[in-house]
């Protein structure tokens, strides 16, 4: 994945971001290439985002790390027992996920956070393969409409109408998994109050609740 060059526009953008940097990170060497997923292959919770941030994941080399969206996500994961600490600063900060795995629709940052349909299609095989390699997943949290639409496409019954995206939407999938929809914790949503921390926490509280139900409790390594 880290050497993927399927999307020339995104490859060029990542290289440009890594070279130009921003003032506050000018002395830091940027990752500057596709950002891998993060977590446990035995996870029962899968979190799907949109893409790495230009000066977050593209800088640090870890998804949802080094930006405000990541601050929100890892606080919530820690609060409900899915991470060992609430902060994600860089790849060497000691963060470990518990029973959870984080990926994204795209593994390269798109300019203006607006991926092209062809770029989403190019990256989709990675998400398909990850879901095949995560057999214990029971709850999927989709952060934002693009993530929700892509997860729905891969997991729903063919031809079944897609539910209208909204925060807090809960869908039972044919696989027996549960799909939870959340607004993305982007600054555009959190600064305007469209997404509040209690709203975001409610998604992961529900995920934890679902995983403690008898039908979702399994023995085995975490």
C-alpha atoms as a PDB file:
ATOM      1  CA  UNK A   1       0.000   0.000   0.000  1.00  0.00           C
ATOM      2  CA  UNK A   2       2.733   2.482   0.947  1.00  0.00           C
ATOM      3  CA  UNK A   3       4.183   2.334  -2.572  1.00  0.00           C
ATOM      4  CA  UNK A   4       0.831   2.465  -4.407  1.00  0.00           C
ATOM      5  CA  UNK A   5       0.818   4.904  -7.334  1.00  0.00           C
ATOM      6  CA  UNK A   6      -2.635   4.219  -8.799  1.00  0.00           C
ATOM      7  CA  UNK A   7      -3.741   7.854  -8.466  1.00  0.00           C
ATOM      8  CA  UNK A   8      -1.180  10.255 -10.019  1.00  0.00           C
ATOM      9  CA  UNK A   9      -2.980  13.345  -8.698  1.00  0.00           C
ATOM     10  CA  UNK A  10      -2.827  12.070  -5.115  1.00  0.00           C
ATOM     11  CA  UNK A  11       0.760  10.875  -5.389  1.00  0.00           C
ATOM     12  CA  UNK A  12       1.794  14.301  -6.659  1.00  0.00           C
ATOM     13  CA  UNK A  13      -0.210  16.073  -3.941  1.00  0.00           C
ATOM     14  CA  UNK A  14       1.358  14.003  -1.134  1.00  0.00           C
ATOM     15  CA  UNK A  15       4.840  14.717  -2.475  1.00  0.00           C
ATOM     16  CA  UNK A  16       4.087  18.438  -2.764  1.00  0.00           C
ATOM     17  CA  UNK A  17       2.682  18.606   0.775  1.00  0.00           C
ATOM     18  CA  UNK A  18       5.707  16.749   2.153  1.00  0.00           C
ATOM     19  CA  UNK A  19       8.052  19.158   0.425  1.00  0.00           C
ATOM     20  CA  UNK A  20       6.253  22.427   1.159  1.00  0.00           C
ATOM     21  CA  UNK A  21       5.140  21.516   4.718  1.00  0.00           C
ATOM     22  CA  UNK A  22       3.612  24.185   6.942  1.00  0.00           C
ATOM     23  CA  UNK A  23       5.497  26.596   9.162  1.00  0.00           C
ATOM     24  CA  UNK A  24       4.811  24.813  12.447  1.00  0.00           C
ATOM     25  CA  UNK A  25       6.154  21.507  11.056  1.00  0.00           C
ATOM     26  CA  UNK A  26       8.974  22.810   8.853  1.00  0.00           C
ATOM     27  CA  UNK A  27      11.622  20.879  10.828  1.00  0.00           C
ATOM     28  CA  UNK A  28       9.746  17.570  10.691  1.00  0.00           C
ATOM     29  CA  UNK A  29      10.260  15.012   7.942  1.00  0.00           C
ATOM     30  CA  UNK A  30       6.866  14.190   6.422  1.00  0.00           C
ATOM     31  CA  UNK A  31       5.736  10.640   5.643  1.00  0.00           C
ATOM     32  CA  UNK A  32       4.530  11.881   2.245  1.00  0.00           C
ATOM     33  CA  UNK A  33       3.034   8.676   0.809  1.00  0.00           C
ATOM     34  CA  UNK A  34      -0.021   6.420   1.245  1.00  0.00           C
ATOM     35  CA  UNK A  35      -0.887   6.012   4.927  1.00  0.00           C
ATOM     36  CA  UNK A  36      -1.456   2.448   6.167  1.00  0.00           C
ATOM     37  CA  UNK A  37      -4.311   1.352   8.379  1.00  0.00           C
ATOM     38  CA  UNK A  38      -3.794   0.886  12.100  1.00  0.00           C
ATOM     39  CA  UNK A  39      -5.017  -1.639  14.632  1.00  0.00           C
ATOM     40  CA  UNK A  40      -5.492  -5.244  15.609  1.00  0.00           C
ATOM     41  CA  UNK A  41      -6.261  -7.961  13.075  1.00  0.00           C
ATOM     42  CA  UNK A  42      -8.345  -9.627  15.790  1.00  0.00           C
ATOM     43  CA  UNK A  43     -10.490  -6.487  16.149  1.00  0.00           C
ATOM     44  CA  UNK A  44     -14.264  -6.574  16.456  1.00  0.00           C
ATOM     45  CA  UNK A  45     -14.652  -2.809  15.876  1.00  0.00           C
ATOM     46  CA  UNK A  46     -13.775  -1.336  12.482  1.00  0.00           C
ATOM     47  CA  UNK A  47     -13.620   2.458  12.059  1.00  0.00           C
ATOM     48  CA  UNK A  48     -13.670   3.749   8.480  1.00  0.00           C
ATOM     49  CA  UNK A  49     -12.747   7.367   7.735  1.00  0.00           C
ATOM     50  CA  UNK A  50     -12.397   9.330   4.516  1.00  0.00           C
ATOM     51  CA  UNK A  51      -8.661   9.905   4.003  1.00  0.00           C
ATOM     52  CA  UNK A  52      -5.499  11.048   5.803  1.00  0.00           C
ATOM     53  CA  UNK A  53      -5.177  14.755   6.486  1.00  0.00           C
ATOM     54  CA  UNK A  54      -2.495  16.606   4.535  1.00  0.00           C
ATOM     55  CA  UNK A  55      -0.648  17.695   7.682  1.00  0.00           C
ATOM     56  CA  UNK A  56      -1.945  14.898   9.911  1.00  0.00           C
ATOM     57  CA  UNK A  57      -1.599  11.363   8.591  1.00  0.00           C
ATOM     58  CA  UNK A  58       0.412  12.444   5.548  1.00  0.00           C
ATOM     59  CA  UNK A  59       2.896  14.056   7.933  1.00  0.00           C
ATOM     60  CA  UNK A  60       2.986  11.411  10.675  1.00  0.00           C
ATOM     61  CA  UNK A  61       2.424   8.221   8.693  1.00  0.00           C
ATOM     62  CA  UNK A  62      -0.421   7.030  10.901  1.00  0.00           C
ATOM     63  CA  UNK A  63      -4.098   7.389  10.164  1.00  0.00           C
ATOM     64  CA  UNK A  64      -5.977  10.046  12.193  1.00  0.00           C
ATOM     65  CA  UNK A  65      -2.740  11.148  13.853  1.00  0.00           C
ATOM     66  CA  UNK A  66      -1.457  14.663  14.394  1.00  0.00           C
ATOM     67  CA  UNK A  67      -4.664  16.602  13.649  1.00  0.00           C
ATOM     68  CA  UNK A  68      -7.849  17.665  15.422  1.00  0.00           C
ATOM     69  CA  UNK A  69      -9.972  14.917  13.884  1.00  0.00           C
ATOM     70  CA  UNK A  70      -7.584  12.399  15.401  1.00  0.00           C
ATOM     71  CA  UNK A  71      -7.793  14.156  18.766  1.00  0.00           C
ATOM     72  CA  UNK A  72     -11.541  13.590  18.767  1.00  0.00           C
ATOM     73  CA  UNK A  73     -11.358  10.020  17.540  1.00  0.00           C
ATOM     74  CA  UNK A  74      -8.717   8.726  19.939  1.00  0.00           C
ATOM     75  CA  UNK A  75     -10.294  10.450  22.935  1.00  0.00           C
ATOM     76  CA  UNK A  76     -13.513   8.606  22.159  1.00  0.00           C
ATOM     77  CA  UNK A  77     -11.768   5.296  21.537  1.00  0.00           C
ATOM     78  CA  UNK A  78      -9.884   5.597  24.818  1.00  0.00           C
ATOM     79  CA  UNK A  79     -12.999   6.614  26.726  1.00  0.00           C
ATOM     80  CA  UNK A  80     -14.776   3.416  25.709  1.00  0.00           C
ATOM     81  CA  UNK A  81     -11.841   1.042  26.083  1.00  0.00           C
ATOM     82  CA  UNK A  82     -10.725   0.764  22.455  1.00  0.00           C
ATOM     83  CA  UNK A  83      -7.318   2.453  22.932  1.00  0.00           C
ATOM     84  CA  UNK A  84      -4.723   2.549  25.696  1.00  0.00           C
ATOM     85  CA  UNK A  85      -4.386   6.346  25.646  1.00  0.00           C
ATOM     86  CA  UNK A  86      -6.390   9.353  24.431  1.00  0.00           C
ATOM     87  CA  UNK A  87      -3.643  11.010  22.365  1.00  0.00           C
ATOM     88  CA  UNK A  88      -2.196  10.144  18.976  1.00  0.00           C
ATOM     89  CA  UNK A  89       0.784  12.370  18.250  1.00  0.00           C
ATOM     90  CA  UNK A  90       3.111  10.303  16.059  1.00  0.00           C
ATOM     91  CA  UNK A  91       3.946   6.696  15.196  1.00  0.00           C
ATOM     92  CA  UNK A  92       6.228   6.362  18.221  1.00  0.00           C
ATOM     93  CA  UNK A  93       3.939   7.695  20.970  1.00  0.00           C
ATOM     94  CA  UNK A  94       3.057   4.299  22.485  1.00  0.00           C
ATOM     95  CA  UNK A  95      -0.557   4.268  21.306  1.00  0.00           C
ATOM     96  CA  UNK A  96      -2.113   0.813  21.060  1.00  0.00           C
ATOM     97  CA  UNK A  97      -5.617  -0.030  19.918  1.00  0.00           C
ATOM     98  CA  UNK A  98      -7.722  -2.587  21.757  1.00  0.00           C
ATOM     99  CA  UNK A  99     -10.165  -4.756  19.827  1.00  0.00           C
ATOM    100  CA  UNK A 100     -10.324  -2.083  17.125  1.00  0.00           C
ATOM    101  CA  UNK A 101      -8.926  -1.272  13.692  1.00  0.00           C
ATOM    102  CA  UNK A 102      -8.900   2.026  11.782  1.00  0.00           C
ATOM    103  CA  UNK A 103      -8.837   2.384   8.012  1.00  0.00           C
ATOM    104  CA  UNK A 104     -10.096   4.818   5.381  1.00  0.00           C
ATOM    105  CA  UNK A 105     -11.752   4.946   1.998  1.00  0.00           C
ATOM    106  CA  UNK A 106      -8.581   6.587   0.649  1.00  0.00           C
ATOM    107  CA  UNK A 107      -5.045   6.116   1.911  1.00  0.00           C
ATOM    108  CA  UNK A 108      -3.737   9.329   0.337  1.00  0.00           C
ATOM    109  CA  UNK A 109      -4.845  12.847   1.192  1.00  0.00           C
ATOM    110  CA  UNK A 110      -6.954  14.399  -1.588  1.00  0.00           C
ATOM    111  CA  UNK A 111      -6.610  18.131  -2.330  1.00  0.00           C
ATOM    112  CA  UNK A 112      -9.302  20.092  -0.456  1.00  0.00           C
ATOM    113  CA  UNK A 113     -10.464  16.760   1.059  1.00  0.00           C
ATOM    114  CA  UNK A 114     -12.391  16.108  -2.150  1.00  0.00           C
ATOM    115  CA  UNK A 115     -11.493  12.788  -3.767  1.00  0.00           C
ATOM    116  CA  UNK A 116     -12.465  12.005  -7.334  1.00  0.00           C
ATOM    117  CA  UNK A 117     -14.749   9.002  -7.970  1.00  0.00           C
ATOM    118  CA  UNK A 118     -11.931   7.288  -9.864  1.00  0.00           C
ATOM    119  CA  UNK A 119      -9.621   7.703  -6.864  1.00  0.00           C
ATOM    120  CA  UNK A 120     -12.169   6.150  -4.540  1.00  0.00           C
ATOM    121  CA  UNK A 121     -12.546   3.255  -6.971  1.00  0.00           C
ATOM    122  CA  UNK A 122      -8.772   2.818  -7.209  1.00  0.00           C
ATOM    123  CA  UNK A 123      -8.442   2.504  -3.432  1.00  0.00           C
ATOM    124  CA  UNK A 124     -11.520   0.332  -2.876  1.00  0.00           C
ATOM    125  CA  UNK A 125      -9.684  -3.005  -3.344  1.00  0.00           C
ATOM    126  CA  UNK A 126      -7.623  -2.250  -0.245  1.00  0.00           C
ATOM    127  CA  UNK A 127     -10.778  -1.818   1.850  1.00  0.00           C
ATOM    128  CA  UNK A 128     -12.278  -4.978   0.364  1.00  0.00           C
ATOM    129  CA  UNK A 129      -9.161  -6.954   1.211  1.00  0.00           C
ATOM    130  CA  UNK A 130      -8.954  -5.553   4.730  1.00  0.00           C
ATOM    131  CA  UNK A 131     -12.516  -6.550   5.458  1.00  0.00           C
ATOM    132  CA  UNK A 132     -11.714 -10.057   4.226  1.00  0.00           C
ATOM    133  CA  UNK A 133      -8.713 -10.217   6.554  1.00  0.00           C
ATOM    134  CA  UNK A 134     -10.655  -9.002   9.616  1.00  0.00           C
ATOM    135  CA  UNK A 135     -13.002 -11.953  10.233  1.00  0.00           C
ATOM    136  CA  UNK A 136     -14.010 -10.968  13.763  1.00  0.00           C
ATOM    137  CA  UNK A 137     -15.449  -7.536  12.909  1.00  0.00           C
ATOM    138  CA  UNK A 138     -18.911  -7.136  14.437  1.00  0.00           C
ATOM    139  CA  UNK A 139     -19.402  -3.358  14.448  1.00  0.00           C
ATOM    140  CA  UNK A 140     -18.394  -0.898  11.728  1.00  0.00           C
ATOM    141  CA  UNK A 141     -18.347   2.853  12.426  1.00  0.00           C
ATOM    142  CA  UNK A 142     -18.435   4.954   9.257  1.00  0.00           C
ATOM    143  CA  UNK A 143     -17.169   8.501   9.754  1.00  0.00           C
ATOM    144  CA  UNK A 144     -18.951  10.684   7.215  1.00  0.00           C
ATOM    145  CA  UNK A 145     -21.187  10.073   4.226  1.00  0.00           C
ATOM    146  CA  UNK A 146     -18.473   8.938   1.810  1.00  0.00           C
ATOM    147  CA  UNK A 147     -17.289   6.300   4.267  1.00  0.00           C
ATOM    148  CA  UNK A 148     -20.885   5.227   4.927  1.00  0.00           C
ATOM    149  CA  UNK A 149     -21.709   4.947   1.227  1.00  0.00           C
ATOM    150  CA  UNK A 150     -18.613   2.858   0.527  1.00  0.00           C
ATOM    151  CA  UNK A 151     -19.146   0.501   3.438  1.00  0.00           C
ATOM    152  CA  UNK A 152     -22.790   0.115   2.424  1.00  0.00           C
ATOM    153  CA  UNK A 153     -21.771  -0.747  -1.124  1.00  0.00           C
ATOM    154  CA  UNK A 154     -19.453  -3.490   0.115  1.00  0.00           C
ATOM    155  CA  UNK A 155     -21.656  -5.011   2.813  1.00  0.00           C
ATOM    156  CA  UNK A 156     -25.325  -4.635   1.910  1.00  0.00           C
ATOM    157  CA  UNK A 157     -27.616  -6.912  -0.049  1.00  0.00           C
ATOM    158  CA  UNK A 158     -27.287  -6.049  -3.775  1.00  0.00           C
ATOM    159  CA  UNK A 159     -30.151  -3.866  -4.933  1.00  0.00           C
ATOM    160  CA  UNK A 160     -31.296  -2.913  -1.445  1.00  0.00           C
ATOM    161  CA  UNK A 161     -31.933   0.857  -1.182  1.00  0.00           C
ATOM    162  CA  UNK A 162     -29.257   2.688   0.763  1.00  0.00           C
ATOM    163  CA  UNK A 163     -30.578   4.426   3.899  1.00  0.00           C
ATOM    164  CA  UNK A 164     -30.271   8.174   3.998  1.00  0.00           C
ATOM    165  CA  UNK A 165     -27.098   9.078   5.851  1.00  0.00           C
ATOM    166  CA  UNK A 166     -27.538  10.719   9.232  1.00  0.00           C
ATOM    167  CA  UNK A 167     -25.607  10.827  12.459  1.00  0.00           C
ATOM    168  CA  UNK A 168     -26.570   7.958  14.727  1.00  0.00           C
ATOM    169  CA  UNK A 169     -28.024   5.774  11.967  1.00  0.00           C
ATOM    170  CA  UNK A 170     -27.763   2.088  12.881  1.00  0.00           C
ATOM    171  CA  UNK A 171     -28.112  -0.617  10.246  1.00  0.00           C
ATOM    172  CA  UNK A 172     -28.113  -4.391  10.661  1.00  0.00           C
ATOM    173  CA  UNK A 173     -26.087  -5.901   7.817  1.00  0.00           C
ATOM    174  CA  UNK A 174     -26.730  -9.292   6.165  1.00  0.00           C
ATOM    175  CA  UNK A 175     -23.430 -10.538   7.601  1.00  0.00           C
ATOM    176  CA  UNK A 176     -24.716 -10.061  11.139  1.00  0.00           C
ATOM    177  CA  UNK A 177     -22.523  -7.012  11.593  1.00  0.00           C
ATOM    178  CA  UNK A 178     -23.896  -3.617  12.633  1.00  0.00           C
ATOM    179  CA  UNK A 179     -23.092  -0.433  10.743  1.00  0.00           C
ATOM    180  CA  UNK A 180     -23.126   2.822  12.728  1.00  0.00           C
ATOM    181  CA  UNK A 181     -23.024   6.190  10.961  1.00  0.00           C
ATOM    182  CA  UNK A 182     -21.381   9.287  12.418  1.00  0.00           C
ATOM    183  CA  UNK A 183     -20.645  12.755  11.184  1.00  0.00           C
ATOM    184  CA  UNK A 184     -16.929  13.008  10.490  1.00  0.00           C
ATOM    185  CA  UNK A 185     -14.994  14.742  13.305  1.00  0.00           C
ATOM    186  CA  UNK A 186     -13.591  17.297  10.869  1.00  0.00           C
ATOM    187  CA  UNK A 187     -12.998  20.864  12.016  1.00  0.00           C
ATOM    188  CA  UNK A 188     -15.795  21.958   9.697  1.00  0.00           C
ATOM    189  CA  UNK A 189     -18.219  19.843  11.741  1.00  0.00           C
ATOM    190  CA  UNK A 190     -16.768  20.254  15.233  1.00  0.00           C
ATOM    191  CA  UNK A 191     -16.079  24.003  15.077  1.00  0.00           C
ATOM    192  CA  UNK A 192     -19.601  24.733  13.859  1.00  0.00           C
ATOM    193  CA  UNK A 193     -21.275  22.483  16.444  1.00  0.00           C
ATOM    194  CA  UNK A 194     -22.724  20.161  13.824  1.00  0.00           C
ATOM    195  CA  UNK A 195     -20.895  17.431  15.722  1.00  0.00           C
ATOM    196  CA  UNK A 196     -20.466  17.736  19.482  1.00  0.00           C
ATOM    197  CA  UNK A 197     -18.357  15.521  21.693  1.00  0.00           C
ATOM    198  CA  UNK A 198     -21.400  13.954  23.405  1.00  0.00           C
ATOM    199  CA  UNK A 199     -22.833  13.158  19.956  1.00  0.00           C
ATOM    200  CA  UNK A 200     -19.560  11.543  18.911  1.00  0.00           C
ATOM    201  CA  UNK A 201     -19.204   9.649  22.176  1.00  0.00           C
ATOM    202  CA  UNK A 202     -22.686   8.208  21.751  1.00  0.00           C
ATOM    203  CA  UNK A 203     -21.511   6.332  18.649  1.00  0.00           C
ATOM    204  CA  UNK A 204     -18.709   4.567  20.479  1.00  0.00           C
ATOM    205  CA  UNK A 205     -20.847   4.002  23.541  1.00  0.00           C
ATOM    206  CA  UNK A 206     -23.286   2.173  21.256  1.00  0.00           C
ATOM    207  CA  UNK A 207     -20.433   0.227  19.656  1.00  0.00           C
ATOM    208  CA  UNK A 208     -19.277  -0.909  23.080  1.00  0.00           C
ATOM    209  CA  UNK A 209     -22.835  -1.810  24.015  1.00  0.00           C
ATOM    210  CA  UNK A 210     -23.257  -3.908  20.879  1.00  0.00           C
ATOM    211  CA  UNK A 211     -20.003  -5.742  21.506  1.00  0.00           C
ATOM    212  CA  UNK A 212     -21.053  -6.668  25.028  1.00  0.00           C
ATOM    213  CA  UNK A 213     -24.323  -8.221  23.891  1.00  0.00           C
ATOM    214  CA  UNK A 214     -24.259 -12.033  24.199  1.00  0.00           C
ATOM    215  CA  UNK A 215     -24.350 -12.594  20.438  1.00  0.00           C
ATOM    216  CA  UNK A 216     -21.199 -10.503  20.015  1.00  0.00           C
ATOM    217  CA  UNK A 217     -19.176 -11.817  22.951  1.00  0.00           C
ATOM    218  CA  UNK A 218     -16.504 -14.271  21.843  1.00  0.00           C
ATOM    219  CA  UNK A 219     -13.597 -15.985  23.469  1.00  0.00           C
ATOM    220  CA  UNK A 220     -10.102 -15.653  22.067  1.00  0.00           C
ATOM    221  CA  UNK A 221      -7.255 -13.131  21.911  1.00  0.00           C
ATOM    222  CA  UNK A 222      -7.830  -9.394  21.858  1.00  0.00           C
END
